[in-house]
Amino acid sequence: MKQALRTGERTLAEVLNLAETDDVIAHAKVVDVLKSLPRVGAVRAGRVMDRLDIAPNRRLRGLGKHQAAALVAEFSGKSTGNPSQS
């Protein structure tokens, strides 16, 4: 799943949807999944999670509806920069 994210075969939205039915994916930590995305490292993942009030030890299944939607919105942009960074 992480490799599919890294290569672009799957989107974050698809992985979050899979987490609803797949127990293995559901137990993955949010920070690890975010770090699997292209151009996202530990620092950016941590900043986004802090801004969205997502605990560092949160797992995918533990995300609220609004948190999941905010993550998808954050990482669905096609630009290479991070326009939301202050």
Protein backbone atom coordinates (compact mmCIF):
# COMPACT_ATOMS: atom_id res chain seq x y z
CA MET A 1 0.00 0.00 0.00
CA LYS A 2 2.82 2.41 0.86
CA GLN A 3 4.63 1.56 -2.36
CA ALA A 4 1.43 2.17 -4.34
CA LEU A 5 1.16 5.62 -2.73
CA ARG A 6 4.81 6.35 -3.41
CA THR A 7 4.50 5.49 -7.10
CA GLY A 8 1.14 7.18 -7.59
CA GLU A 9 -0.79 3.95 -8.26
CA ARG A 10 -3.12 4.85 -5.37
CA THR A 11 -4.23 8.18 -3.96
CA LEU A 12 -4.57 9.08 -0.31
CA ALA A 13 -8.35 9.14 -0.74
CA GLU A 14 -8.31 5.56 -2.07
CA VAL A 15 -6.19 4.38 0.85
CA LEU A 16 -8.50 6.06 3.37
CA ASN A 17 -11.48 4.36 1.71
CA LEU A 18 -9.71 0.99 1.83
CA ALA A 19 -9.01 1.51 5.54
CA GLU A 20 -12.75 1.30 6.22
CA THR A 21 -12.84 -2.36 5.15
CA ASP A 22 -9.23 -3.61 5.35
CA ASP A 23 -7.99 -4.18 8.90
CA VAL A 24 -4.31 -4.22 7.91
CA ILE A 25 -4.54 -0.82 6.24
CA ALA A 26 -6.78 0.51 9.01
CA HIS A 27 -4.06 -0.14 11.59
CA ALA A 28 -1.37 1.79 9.70
CA LYS A 29 -0.23 4.99 11.39
CA VAL A 30 -1.32 8.18 9.66
CA VAL A 31 2.20 9.65 9.81
CA ASP A 32 3.67 6.58 8.08
CA VAL A 33 1.08 6.75 5.31
CA LEU A 34 1.70 10.48 4.80
CA LYS A 35 5.47 9.92 4.62
CA SER A 36 4.81 7.43 1.82
CA LEU A 37 3.40 10.21 -0.36
CA PRO A 38 5.75 11.85 -2.88
CA ARG A 39 7.53 14.94 -1.55
CA VAL A 40 6.29 14.38 2.02
CA GLY A 41 8.80 13.71 4.76
CA ALA A 42 8.59 13.51 8.52
CA VAL A 43 8.65 17.29 8.97
CA ARG A 44 5.86 18.10 6.51
CA ALA A 45 3.74 15.17 7.74
CA GLY A 46 4.15 16.33 11.33
CA ARG A 47 3.28 19.94 10.52
CA VAL A 48 0.14 18.95 8.63
CA MET A 49 -0.95 16.61 11.41
CA ASP A 50 -0.37 19.33 14.03
CA ARG A 51 -2.35 21.85 12.01
CA LEU A 52 -5.24 19.40 11.56
CA ASP A 53 -5.15 18.32 15.25
CA ILE A 54 -4.28 14.71 14.46
CA ALA A 55 -2.36 12.95 17.22
CA PRO A 56 1.07 11.56 16.21
CA ASN A 57 0.07 8.01 17.16
CA ARG A 58 -3.31 8.08 15.34
CA ARG A 59 -4.07 5.20 13.02
CA LEU A 60 -6.08 5.47 9.80
CA ARG A 61 -9.24 3.93 11.23
CA GLY A 62 -9.10 6.39 14.14
CA LEU A 63 -9.41 9.43 11.89
CA GLY A 64 -12.62 11.41 12.07
CA LYS A 65 -14.61 12.19 8.95
CA HIS A 66 -13.46 15.82 8.93
CA GLN A 67 -9.81 14.91 9.58
CA ALA A 68 -9.81 12.45 6.68
CA ALA A 69 -11.42 15.01 4.38
CA ALA A 70 -8.88 17.65 5.43
CA LEU A 71 -5.98 15.28 4.69
CA VAL A 72 -7.37 14.47 1.26
CA ALA A 73 -7.81 18.18 0.53
CA GLU A 74 -4.26 18.93 1.73
CA PHE A 75 -2.59 16.32 -0.46
CA SER A 76 -4.85 16.26 -3.53
CA GLY A 77 -3.31 19.41 -5.07
CA LYS A 78 -1.37 18.94 -8.26
CA SER A 79 1.22 21.65 -7.54
CA THR A 80 4.72 20.73 -6.45
CA GLY A 81 4.90 23.49 -3.87
CA ASN A 82 3.09 23.73 -0.56
CA PRO A 83 0.82 26.77 -0.87
CA SER A 84 -0.73 26.22 2.55
CA GLN A 85 2.60 26.65 4.31
CA SER A 86 2.79 29.93 6.23
